[in-house]
Protein backbone atom coordinates (compact mmCIF):
# COMPACT_ATOMS: atom_id res chain seq x y z
CA MET A 1 -49.55 -29.93 -0.27
CA SER A 2 -52.79 -28.44 1.03
CA ALA A 3 -56.26 -29.85 0.63
CA SER A 4 -56.94 -27.40 -2.16
CA ALA A 5 -53.76 -28.11 -4.08
CA ALA A 6 -53.56 -30.70 -6.80
CA PRO A 7 -50.49 -32.78 -7.58
CA SER A 8 -47.88 -31.23 -9.75
CA GLY A 9 -49.13 -31.01 -13.26
CA ALA A 10 -52.74 -31.57 -12.33
CA GLY A 11 -53.80 -28.41 -14.07
CA SER A 12 -53.01 -29.96 -17.43
CA ALA A 13 -54.33 -33.43 -16.62
CA PRO A 14 -56.02 -35.28 -19.44
CA SER A 15 -59.60 -36.45 -19.20
CA GLN A 16 -60.28 -39.44 -16.95
CA ARG A 17 -58.32 -42.30 -18.41
CA LEU A 18 -57.49 -45.96 -18.04
CA ASN A 19 -53.79 -46.33 -17.45
CA ALA A 20 -51.45 -49.19 -16.75
CA LYS A 21 -51.11 -48.23 -13.08
CA VAL A 22 -54.80 -48.59 -12.21
CA VAL A 23 -55.01 -51.82 -14.20
CA GLY A 24 -51.98 -53.13 -12.34
CA ILE A 25 -53.27 -52.38 -8.84
CA SER A 26 -56.71 -53.72 -9.77
CA ILE A 27 -55.15 -57.00 -10.92
CA ALA A 28 -53.06 -57.21 -7.76
CA ALA A 29 -56.13 -56.62 -5.58
CA ALA A 30 -58.05 -59.23 -7.58
CA VAL A 31 -55.47 -61.89 -6.64
CA GLY A 32 -57.59 -62.20 -3.52
CA GLY A 33 -60.34 -63.37 -5.86
CA PHE A 34 -57.95 -65.96 -7.30
CA LEU A 35 -57.39 -67.39 -3.83
CA PHE A 36 -61.13 -67.12 -3.18
CA GLY A 37 -61.78 -69.35 -6.23
CA PHE A 38 -58.89 -71.70 -5.54
CA ASP A 39 -59.69 -72.20 -1.86
CA THR A 40 -63.40 -72.88 -2.35
CA SER A 41 -62.90 -75.21 -5.33
CA VAL A 42 -59.76 -77.14 -4.37
CA ILE A 43 -61.79 -79.56 -2.26
CA ASN A 44 -63.54 -80.74 -5.45
CA GLY A 45 -60.82 -83.24 -6.30
CA ALA A 46 -60.38 -84.39 -2.71
CA VAL A 47 -64.01 -85.21 -1.86
CA GLY A 48 -63.77 -88.90 -2.76
CA ALA A 49 -60.46 -89.41 -0.94
CA LEU A 50 -61.71 -87.58 2.14
CA SER A 51 -64.84 -89.69 2.28
CA GLU A 52 -62.76 -92.88 2.10
CA GLU A 53 -59.97 -91.87 4.47
CA PHE A 54 -62.24 -90.50 7.17
CA SER A 55 -65.20 -92.87 6.50
CA LEU A 56 -67.70 -90.07 5.97
CA GLY A 57 -71.40 -90.38 5.25
CA ALA A 58 -73.26 -88.08 2.85
CA GLY A 59 -74.18 -85.56 5.53
CA LEU A 60 -70.69 -85.16 6.98
CA THR A 61 -69.18 -85.10 3.47
CA GLY A 62 -71.46 -82.19 2.60
CA PHE A 63 -70.49 -80.37 5.79
CA ALA A 64 -66.76 -80.95 5.19
CA VAL A 65 -67.11 -79.50 1.68
CA SER A 66 -69.12 -76.49 2.82
CA SER A 67 -67.40 -75.83 6.18
CA ALA A 68 -65.14 -73.16 4.68
CA LEU A 69 -68.25 -71.21 3.76
CA LEU A 70 -69.08 -70.67 7.45
CA GLY A 71 -65.73 -68.95 7.81
CA CYS A 72 -66.47 -67.01 4.62
CA ALA A 73 -69.65 -65.54 6.11
CA VAL A 74 -67.85 -64.50 9.32
CA GLY A 75 -64.84 -63.12 7.43
CA ALA A 76 -67.09 -61.09 5.14
CA TRP A 77 -69.13 -59.75 8.07
CA PHE A 78 -66.10 -58.34 9.92
CA ALA A 79 -64.03 -57.29 6.88
CA GLY A 80 -66.05 -54.10 6.40
CA SER A 81 -65.53 -52.75 9.91
CA LEU A 82 -61.86 -53.78 9.93
CA SER A 83 -61.20 -52.08 6.59
CA ASN A 84 -62.92 -48.90 7.81
CA ARG A 85 -60.74 -48.83 10.91
CA TYR A 86 -57.37 -49.96 9.54
CA GLY A 87 -57.66 -49.55 5.76
CA ARG A 88 -58.22 -51.81 2.78
CA ILE A 89 -54.59 -52.93 2.41
CA PRO A 90 -54.06 -54.32 5.95
CA VAL A 91 -57.19 -56.47 5.54
CA MET A 92 -55.77 -57.87 2.29
CA VAL A 93 -52.58 -58.86 4.15
CA ILE A 94 -54.63 -60.51 6.92
CA ALA A 95 -56.60 -62.45 4.30
CA ALA A 96 -53.39 -63.64 2.64
CA THR A 97 -52.07 -64.87 5.99
CA LEU A 98 -55.28 -66.80 6.65
CA PHE A 99 -55.07 -68.42 3.21
CA PHE A 100 -51.47 -69.50 3.85
CA VAL A 101 -52.16 -70.97 7.29
CA SER A 102 -55.26 -72.81 6.03
CA ALA A 103 -53.40 -74.34 3.08
CA ILE A 104 -50.71 -75.87 5.29
CA GLY A 105 -53.13 -76.89 8.05
CA SER A 106 -55.58 -78.60 5.66
CA GLY A 107 -52.72 -80.54 4.10
CA ILE A 108 -51.55 -81.98 7.42
CA ALA A 109 -55.02 -82.56 8.93
CA PHE A 110 -55.25 -85.65 11.16
CA GLY A 111 -59.02 -86.08 11.01
CA VAL A 112 -62.17 -84.64 9.52
CA TRP A 113 -62.85 -82.18 12.36
CA ASP A 114 -59.25 -80.98 12.23
CA LEU A 115 -59.64 -80.47 8.47
CA ILE A 116 -62.94 -78.63 8.94
CA ALA A 117 -61.28 -76.24 11.40
CA TRP A 118 -58.50 -75.39 8.94
CA ARG A 119 -61.04 -74.96 6.13
CA VAL A 120 -62.95 -72.49 8.30
CA VAL A 121 -59.71 -70.51 8.79
CA GLY A 122 -59.30 -70.36 5.02
CA GLY A 123 -62.93 -69.33 4.75
CA LEU A 124 -62.25 -66.30 6.94
CA GLY A 125 -59.68 -65.22 4.35
CA VAL A 126 -62.05 -65.88 1.47
CA GLY A 127 -64.80 -63.84 3.13
CA ALA A 128 -62.46 -60.92 3.76
CA ALA A 129 -61.13 -61.02 0.19
CA SER A 130 -64.65 -61.14 -1.22
CA VAL A 131 -65.43 -57.80 0.46
CA ILE A 132 -62.16 -55.94 0.11
CA ALA A 133 -61.28 -56.64 -3.52
CA PRO A 134 -64.51 -55.33 -5.15
CA ALA A 135 -64.69 -52.36 -2.77
CA TYR A 136 -61.06 -51.42 -3.38
CA ILE A 137 -61.25 -51.79 -7.16
CA ALA A 138 -64.45 -49.72 -7.33
CA GLU A 139 -62.82 -46.99 -5.24
CA VAL A 140 -59.69 -46.67 -7.39
CA ALA A 141 -61.25 -47.24 -10.85
CA PRO A 142 -62.37 -44.43 -13.19
CA ALA A 143 -66.19 -44.49 -13.55
CA LYS A 144 -65.97 -45.07 -17.30
CA PHE A 145 -63.98 -48.28 -16.81
CA ARG A 146 -65.27 -49.42 -13.41
CA GLY A 147 -67.33 -52.28 -14.83
CA ARG A 148 -64.48 -54.00 -16.61
CA LEU A 149 -62.00 -53.40 -13.79
CA GLY A 150 -64.55 -54.64 -11.26
CA SER A 151 -65.04 -57.75 -13.40
CA LEU A 152 -61.37 -58.60 -12.86
CA GLN A 153 -62.46 -59.89 -9.44
CA GLN A 154 -64.66 -62.54 -11.06
CA LEU A 155 -62.02 -63.32 -13.69
CA ALA A 156 -59.58 -63.95 -10.86
CA ILE A 157 -62.13 -66.15 -9.09
CA VAL A 158 -62.71 -68.34 -12.15
CA LEU A 159 -58.98 -68.51 -12.84
CA GLY A 160 -58.55 -69.68 -9.26
CA ILE A 161 -61.22 -72.33 -9.82
CA PHE A 162 -59.51 -73.42 -13.04
CA VAL A 163 -56.05 -73.63 -11.49
CA ALA A 164 -57.44 -75.57 -8.50
CA LEU A 165 -59.17 -78.08 -10.78
CA LEU A 166 -56.15 -78.30 -13.09
CA SER A 167 -53.71 -78.82 -10.23
CA ASN A 168 -56.07 -81.41 -8.72
CA ALA A 169 -56.17 -83.28 -12.04
CA LEU A 170 -52.38 -83.13 -12.51
CA ILE A 171 -51.64 -84.25 -8.96
CA ALA A 172 -54.23 -87.05 -9.02
CA ASN A 173 -53.09 -88.32 -12.44
CA SER A 174 -49.41 -88.17 -11.47
CA ALA A 175 -50.05 -90.07 -8.24
CA GLY A 176 -52.43 -92.58 -9.86
CA GLY A 177 -55.41 -91.33 -7.84
CA SER A 178 -56.20 -88.73 -5.19
CA GLU A 179 -55.81 -91.34 -2.42
CA GLN A 180 -52.35 -92.47 -3.56
CA SER A 181 -49.00 -91.23 -2.28
CA PHE A 182 -47.37 -88.32 -4.08
CA TRP A 183 -44.28 -86.26 -3.15
CA PHE A 184 -42.43 -87.41 -0.01
CA GLY A 185 -44.98 -90.18 0.52
CA VAL A 186 -47.77 -87.70 1.34
CA ALA A 187 -51.21 -88.48 -0.10
CA ALA A 188 -52.09 -86.62 -3.29
CA TRP A 189 -55.22 -85.02 -1.81
CA ARG A 190 -53.11 -83.37 0.88
CA TRP A 191 -50.89 -81.75 -1.74
CA MET A 192 -54.01 -80.41 -3.44
CA PHE A 193 -54.54 -78.23 -0.36
CA MET A 194 -50.92 -77.35 0.41
CA ILE A 195 -50.13 -76.01 -3.08
CA GLU A 196 -52.32 -72.98 -2.26
CA ALA A 197 -49.62 -71.65 0.06
CA VAL A 198 -47.66 -70.39 -2.98
CA PRO A 199 -50.27 -67.94 -4.37
CA ALA A 200 -51.25 -66.98 -0.80
CA ALA A 201 -47.70 -65.79 -0.11
CA ALA A 202 -47.60 -63.93 -3.44
CA TYR A 203 -50.88 -62.14 -2.63
CA GLY A 204 -49.64 -60.97 0.75
CA ILE A 205 -46.42 -59.58 -0.73
CA MET A 206 -48.25 -57.77 -3.58
CA ALA A 207 -50.77 -56.24 -1.19
CA LEU A 208 -47.97 -54.53 0.73
CA PHE A 209 -47.10 -52.49 -2.37
CA LEU A 210 -50.64 -51.31 -3.25
CA PRO A 211 -51.73 -47.69 -2.62
CA GLU A 212 -54.53 -47.24 -0.11
CA SER A 213 -58.06 -46.46 -1.33
CA PRO A 214 -58.46 -42.70 -1.88
CA ARG A 215 -61.91 -42.71 -0.28
CA TYR A 216 -60.53 -44.35 2.86
CA LEU A 217 -57.68 -41.79 2.91
CA ILE A 218 -60.11 -38.87 2.58
CA ARG A 219 -62.20 -40.30 5.43
CA ARG A 220 -59.00 -40.25 7.51
CA ASN A 221 -58.21 -36.71 6.29
CA GLN A 222 -55.01 -37.85 4.57
CA LEU A 223 -55.68 -35.57 1.61
CA ASP A 224 -52.16 -35.47 0.17
CA ARG A 225 -52.03 -39.23 -0.22
CA ALA A 226 -55.58 -39.38 -1.56
CA SER A 227 -54.86 -36.67 -4.10
CA LYS A 228 -51.82 -38.54 -5.39
CA VAL A 229 -53.76 -41.81 -5.80
CA LEU A 230 -56.64 -40.07 -7.59
CA TYR A 231 -54.29 -38.33 -10.01
CA ASP A 232 -51.66 -41.02 -10.59
CA PHE A 233 -53.88 -44.09 -10.64
CA THR A 234 -57.50 -43.10 -11.22
CA GLY A 235 -56.56 -40.45 -13.81
CA GLU A 236 -58.88 -37.90 -12.22
CA PRO A 237 -58.62 -34.64 -14.25
CA ASP A 238 -59.79 -32.37 -11.39
CA VAL A 239 -58.47 -33.81 -8.14
CA ASN A 240 -59.65 -30.91 -5.98
CA LEU A 241 -63.23 -31.18 -7.19
CA LYS A 242 -63.26 -34.96 -6.74
CA ILE A 243 -61.94 -34.72 -3.18
CA GLU A 244 -64.65 -32.18 -2.35
CA GLN A 245 -67.34 -34.45 -3.85
CA ILE A 246 -66.10 -37.42 -1.84
CA ARG A 247 -65.95 -35.38 1.37
CA LYS A 248 -69.56 -34.25 0.93
CA THR A 249 -70.76 -37.86 0.63
CA LEU A 250 -68.81 -38.79 3.78
CA GLU A 251 -69.59 -35.80 5.97
CA ARG A 252 -72.93 -37.10 7.28
CA GLU A 253 -71.16 -39.66 9.46
CA ASP A 254 -67.91 -39.31 11.35
CA SER A 255 -67.39 -43.06 11.41
CA GLU A 256 -69.11 -45.76 9.45
CA SER A 257 -70.78 -48.62 11.30
CA LEU A 258 -73.42 -51.26 10.74
CA ARG A 259 -75.93 -48.89 12.39
CA ASP A 260 -75.71 -46.72 9.28
CA LEU A 261 -77.40 -49.49 7.28
CA LEU A 262 -80.59 -49.33 9.32
CA GLY A 263 -83.77 -47.73 8.01
CA GLY A 264 -86.67 -48.39 5.71
CA ARG A 265 -89.72 -50.60 6.05
CA PHE A 266 -87.91 -53.88 6.80
CA GLY A 267 -85.14 -52.62 9.06
CA LEU A 268 -82.46 -51.91 6.46
CA LYS A 269 -82.07 -49.29 3.76
CA PRO A 270 -83.59 -50.43 0.42
CA ILE A 271 -80.18 -50.33 -1.29
CA VAL A 272 -78.79 -52.73 1.33
CA TRP A 273 -81.68 -55.13 0.73
CA LEU A 274 -80.98 -54.89 -3.00
CA GLY A 275 -77.38 -55.96 -2.45
CA ILE A 276 -78.43 -58.80 -0.15
CA VAL A 277 -81.01 -60.18 -2.61
CA LEU A 278 -78.56 -59.94 -5.53
CA SER A 279 -76.06 -61.92 -3.43
CA LEU A 280 -78.66 -64.54 -2.50
CA PHE A 281 -79.77 -65.13 -6.08
CA GLN A 282 -76.16 -65.45 -7.25
CA GLN A 283 -75.87 -68.52 -5.03
CA LEU A 284 -79.41 -69.92 -5.03
CA VAL A 285 -79.18 -70.73 -8.75
CA GLY A 286 -76.75 -73.48 -7.69
CA ILE A 287 -73.58 -72.43 -9.51
CA ASN A 288 -71.26 -73.74 -6.83
CA VAL A 289 -72.80 -77.20 -7.03
CA ILE A 290 -71.12 -77.38 -10.43
CA PHE A 291 -67.73 -76.39 -9.02
CA TYR A 292 -67.78 -78.16 -5.65
CA TYR A 293 -69.38 -81.41 -6.78
CA SER A 294 -68.74 -81.59 -10.53
CA THR A 295 -66.17 -84.38 -10.23
CA THR A 296 -68.49 -86.65 -8.26
CA LEU A 297 -71.43 -85.51 -10.39
CA TRP A 298 -69.84 -86.67 -13.64
CA GLN A 299 -68.61 -89.86 -12.01
CA SER A 300 -72.25 -90.54 -11.17
CA VAL A 301 -73.15 -90.55 -14.86
CA GLY A 302 -70.44 -92.98 -15.87
CA PHE A 303 -67.15 -91.03 -16.04
CA ASP A 304 -64.10 -92.41 -14.21
CA GLU A 305 -62.15 -90.09 -11.88
CA SER A 306 -59.72 -88.95 -14.59
CA GLN A 307 -62.50 -88.17 -17.08
CA ALA A 308 -64.55 -86.38 -14.43
CA LEU A 309 -61.61 -84.20 -13.38
CA LEU A 310 -60.90 -83.36 -17.04
CA THR A 311 -64.56 -82.47 -17.66
CA SER A 312 -64.57 -80.23 -14.58
CA THR A 313 -61.42 -78.49 -15.82
CA ILE A 314 -62.94 -77.90 -19.27
CA THR A 315 -66.03 -76.44 -17.62
CA SER A 316 -63.86 -74.03 -15.64
CA ILE A 317 -62.12 -72.92 -18.88
CA MET A 318 -65.54 -72.08 -20.30
CA ASN A 319 -66.20 -70.04 -17.17
CA ILE A 320 -63.02 -68.05 -17.84
CA VAL A 321 -64.08 -67.40 -21.45
CA ALA A 322 -67.52 -66.28 -20.26
CA THR A 323 -65.97 -63.86 -17.77
CA ILE A 324 -63.78 -62.33 -20.47
CA ILE A 325 -66.96 -61.79 -22.52
CA ALA A 326 -68.44 -59.97 -19.52
CA ILE A 327 -65.36 -57.74 -19.19
CA VAL A 328 -65.67 -56.74 -22.85
CA LEU A 329 -69.41 -56.01 -22.70
CA VAL A 330 -70.21 -54.69 -19.21
CA ASP A 331 -69.30 -51.04 -19.81
CA ARG A 332 -71.00 -51.07 -23.22
CA LEU A 333 -74.28 -52.86 -22.57
CA GLY A 334 -74.64 -52.02 -18.88
CA ARG A 335 -75.37 -54.19 -15.86
CA ARG A 336 -79.15 -54.52 -16.01
CA LEU A 337 -79.54 -55.90 -19.57
CA MET A 338 -76.78 -58.45 -19.04
CA LEU A 339 -78.33 -59.69 -15.80
CA LEU A 340 -81.70 -60.13 -17.53
CA VAL A 341 -80.13 -62.16 -20.35
CA GLY A 342 -78.19 -64.22 -17.81
CA SER A 343 -81.28 -65.03 -15.76
CA ALA A 344 -83.20 -66.15 -18.84
CA GLY A 345 -80.30 -68.31 -20.05
CA MET A 346 -79.77 -69.90 -16.64
CA THR A 347 -83.46 -70.71 -16.33
CA ALA A 348 -83.43 -72.51 -19.69
CA SER A 349 -80.14 -74.39 -19.15
CA LEU A 350 -81.00 -75.52 -15.62
CA GLY A 351 -84.39 -76.66 -16.87
CA LEU A 352 -82.57 -78.67 -19.55
CA MET A 353 -80.41 -80.34 -16.88
CA ALA A 354 -83.48 -81.16 -14.79
CA LEU A 355 -85.11 -82.72 -17.85
CA ALA A 356 -82.00 -84.77 -18.70
CA PHE A 357 -81.67 -86.24 -15.21
CA SER A 358 -85.32 -87.23 -15.22
CA PHE A 359 -84.19 -90.02 -17.57
CA GLY A 360 -81.49 -91.22 -15.17
CA GLU A 361 -81.35 -94.89 -14.29
CA VAL A 362 -80.07 -96.35 -11.01
CA ALA A 363 -78.19 -99.62 -11.42
CA ALA A 364 -79.30 -102.57 -9.27
CA GLY A 365 -77.34 -102.72 -6.00
CA SER A 366 -75.76 -99.31 -6.62
CA GLU A 367 -76.55 -95.65 -5.93
CA ALA A 368 -74.81 -94.52 -9.13
CA VAL A 369 -76.98 -92.83 -11.74
CA SER A 370 -76.44 -93.49 -15.43
CA LEU A 371 -77.90 -91.43 -18.25
CA PRO A 372 -78.74 -93.14 -21.55
CA ASP A 373 -77.93 -91.44 -24.84
CA PRO A 374 -78.67 -88.72 -25.76
CA TRP A 375 -79.45 -87.49 -22.23
CA SER A 376 -75.88 -87.70 -20.95
CA THR A 377 -74.91 -85.33 -23.77
CA VAL A 378 -77.89 -83.09 -23.02
CA ALA A 379 -76.83 -82.91 -19.36
CA LEU A 380 -73.30 -81.89 -20.37
CA ILE A 381 -74.62 -79.24 -22.75
CA GLY A 382 -77.02 -77.91 -20.11
CA ALA A 383 -74.33 -77.73 -17.42
CA ASN A 384 -71.86 -75.91 -19.64
CA ALA A 385 -74.52 -73.54 -21.02
CA PHE A 386 -75.45 -72.73 -17.42
CA VAL A 387 -71.81 -71.98 -16.62
CA MET A 388 -71.51 -69.75 -19.70
CA PHE A 389 -74.64 -67.73 -18.91
CA PHE A 390 -73.66 -67.38 -15.26
CA GLY A 391 -70.03 -66.58 -16.02
CA ALA A 392 -70.89 -63.86 -18.54
CA THR A 393 -73.49 -62.16 -16.34
CA TRP A 394 -74.37 -62.99 -12.73
CA GLY A 395 -70.87 -64.15 -11.78
CA PRO A 396 -68.98 -60.90 -12.45
CA LEU A 397 -71.80 -58.36 -12.47
CA VAL A 398 -73.01 -59.01 -8.94
CA TRP A 399 -69.49 -58.27 -7.67
CA VAL A 400 -69.35 -55.16 -9.87
CA LEU A 401 -72.68 -53.95 -8.48
CA LEU A 402 -71.77 -54.73 -4.86
CA GLY A 403 -68.57 -52.74 -5.28
CA GLU A 404 -70.25 -49.67 -6.76
CA ILE A 405 -73.94 -49.50 -5.88
CA PHE A 406 -73.69 -48.45 -2.22
CA PRO A 407 -73.14 -44.81 -1.19
CA ASN A 408 -69.61 -43.92 -0.06
CA ARG A 409 -70.50 -43.59 3.60
CA ILE A 410 -71.81 -47.17 3.89
CA ARG A 411 -69.97 -49.00 1.10
CA ALA A 412 -67.67 -51.25 3.10
CA SER A 413 -70.26 -52.13 5.76
CA ALA A 414 -73.09 -52.72 3.27
CA LEU A 415 -70.84 -54.82 1.05
CA ALA A 416 -69.82 -56.84 4.10
CA VAL A 417 -73.44 -57.61 4.97
CA ALA A 418 -74.31 -58.51 1.36
CA ALA A 419 -71.23 -60.73 1.04
CA ALA A 420 -71.98 -62.45 4.35
CA ALA A 421 -75.49 -63.22 3.07
CA GLN A 422 -73.96 -64.58 -0.12
CA TRP A 423 -71.66 -66.93 1.77
CA ALA A 424 -74.51 -68.08 4.00
CA ALA A 425 -76.55 -68.91 0.88
CA ASN A 426 -73.52 -70.63 -0.65
CA TRP A 427 -73.18 -72.76 2.49
CA LEU A 428 -76.87 -73.63 2.43
CA VAL A 429 -76.82 -74.69 -1.24
CA SER A 430 -73.57 -76.66 -0.92
CA THR A 431 -74.60 -78.43 2.27
CA THR A 432 -78.04 -79.41 1.04
CA PHE A 433 -77.05 -80.62 -2.43
CA PRO A 434 -76.06 -84.17 -1.34
CA THR A 435 -79.45 -84.53 0.35
CA LEU A 436 -81.32 -82.99 -2.59
CA SER A 437 -79.48 -85.29 -4.99
CA THR A 438 -80.68 -88.33 -3.05
CA ILE A 439 -84.24 -87.09 -3.65
CA GLY A 440 -83.33 -86.71 -7.30
CA LEU A 441 -81.14 -84.54 -9.50
CA THR A 442 -84.23 -83.52 -11.44
CA PHE A 443 -85.66 -82.03 -8.24
CA ALA A 444 -82.36 -80.29 -7.36
CA TYR A 445 -81.80 -78.67 -10.75
CA GLY A 446 -85.51 -77.87 -11.10
CA LEU A 447 -85.29 -75.96 -7.81
CA TYR A 448 -82.25 -74.01 -9.03
CA ALA A 449 -84.10 -73.24 -12.29
CA ALA A 450 -86.98 -71.79 -10.26
CA PHE A 451 -84.59 -69.46 -8.43
CA ALA A 452 -83.09 -68.39 -11.78
CA LEU A 453 -86.57 -67.46 -12.98
CA LEU A 454 -87.20 -65.48 -9.79
CA SER A 455 -83.90 -63.64 -10.33
CA LEU A 456 -85.17 -62.54 -13.74
CA ILE A 457 -88.30 -61.06 -12.19
CA PHE A 458 -86.27 -59.36 -9.44
CA VAL A 459 -83.86 -57.67 -11.85
CA PHE A 460 -86.71 -56.52 -14.09
CA LEU A 461 -88.62 -54.93 -11.22
CA TRP A 462 -85.88 -53.61 -8.94
CA VAL A 463 -82.30 -53.38 -10.24
CA PRO A 464 -81.25 -49.95 -11.59
CA GLU A 465 -78.58 -49.25 -14.20
CA THR A 466 -75.29 -47.94 -12.79
CA LYS A 467 -73.18 -47.77 -15.96
CA ASP A 468 -71.06 -44.58 -16.13
CA ARG A 469 -72.36 -43.25 -12.79
CA GLU A 470 -69.81 -41.80 -10.38
CA LEU A 471 -69.63 -43.44 -6.96
CA GLU A 472 -70.52 -40.07 -5.46
CA ASP A 473 -73.86 -40.15 -7.33
CA MET A 474 -75.08 -43.48 -5.94
CA ASP A 475 -77.11 -41.67 -3.23
CA THR A 476 -79.68 -40.69 -5.86
CA LEU A 477 -80.27 -44.14 -7.38
CA GLU A 478 -83.90 -45.14 -7.83
CA LEU A 479 -84.72 -48.80 -7.24
CA GLY A 480 -87.62 -49.94 -9.37
CA ARG A 481 -90.90 -48.05 -9.47
CA GLY A 482 -89.13 -44.83 -8.44
CA ARG A 483 -88.11 -45.94 -4.92
CA ARG A 484 -85.08 -44.13 -3.55
CA SER A 485 -82.05 -46.15 -2.39
CA SER A 486 -81.71 -44.42 0.98
């Protein structure tokens, strides 16, 4: 087949469509998001046991929890260049291998520094998956359905969080506590980590059967393979025209590198800064405090370990429901409106949590905080409202935007930089929360509410609408006040 020839039957192709094949490969790619959510949240149920077994103070506990995020930042940073050189699929397989090794290593850790090392290895896989999955899905999805298919990444993440919390609760309850022995006399908290090896192996096997991204194939001049993917999976009605459009957006650079991101007043192209700031705000609102520390948080207001684990699991179910809402609405309402609503809702719900914890009481001779009625209920409502607003807007839509908003020639590299910034912010928030909470939970949640308000202002002034735009048209985006993206 020549570059100008379409696949057999292409002349009678229907209009761009959503078919089972593209849904299937998008789901398979999003399994990386499942492991992303599972790996970063599984430590939630093991925090107390780790602190006891390894005699950790608040600072080292915070570092042990957030150590994987250092690996995430590094993995995200290098995933773009690796995927440009070797393809999207090989990087998925590498990520799956890192997940598998980390799961086993964390489960057999002999000390806290050993555990931290294995968590960093898992973080490398998480970082790589966080870049490759949204980029790959955006590159194979029809423009009309790109928002909902891109949101599958976040749905997979929240499902991973849910399964991690659920498996933690089941293992801890079956063993009689996370510190107690479980199967084969191994402590329950160790099994919480090792169970991840099962989905990690499944992800690696599925990745081997995925087609390569058509835009990567065109960059490598593998036009026959690209044409087949565009026709069979994307449902592109005019394959020849689409290939020519993609080639024009790629022809300015023979090979993509981080140097291509440079330019503009502050050293990077405006569109790259947009992606970085979106990533920062997604984390600075404090969402991962809820998922990394929710068990210990609810224990601090009077719940026992079993009740706290159950409450955390229920919260993660709400996150799943919120993400499904986003999938239904994103291609109808657009990205910008939903982000604005999400920012406003997060500001209000975080403010409610800050208010509730201002009534907290510290028992004599104890560091535990108790909330009198009705403020314990208010705190629960605020936390779950926050999760709902985040899960229906900023959670999935930032990943959708990062996958689609960058021009073809810099997509993987720009996404890598934005994702690395996101993981760095995640690490900062997760590491500092124990210290902030000693100052006061009112201060911590008030700070997150302030960032939510700033995110509202940022979206209003700068974020453009990308609904229904082809990836090849992202070069002409205008970022607030008529500023060009390049």
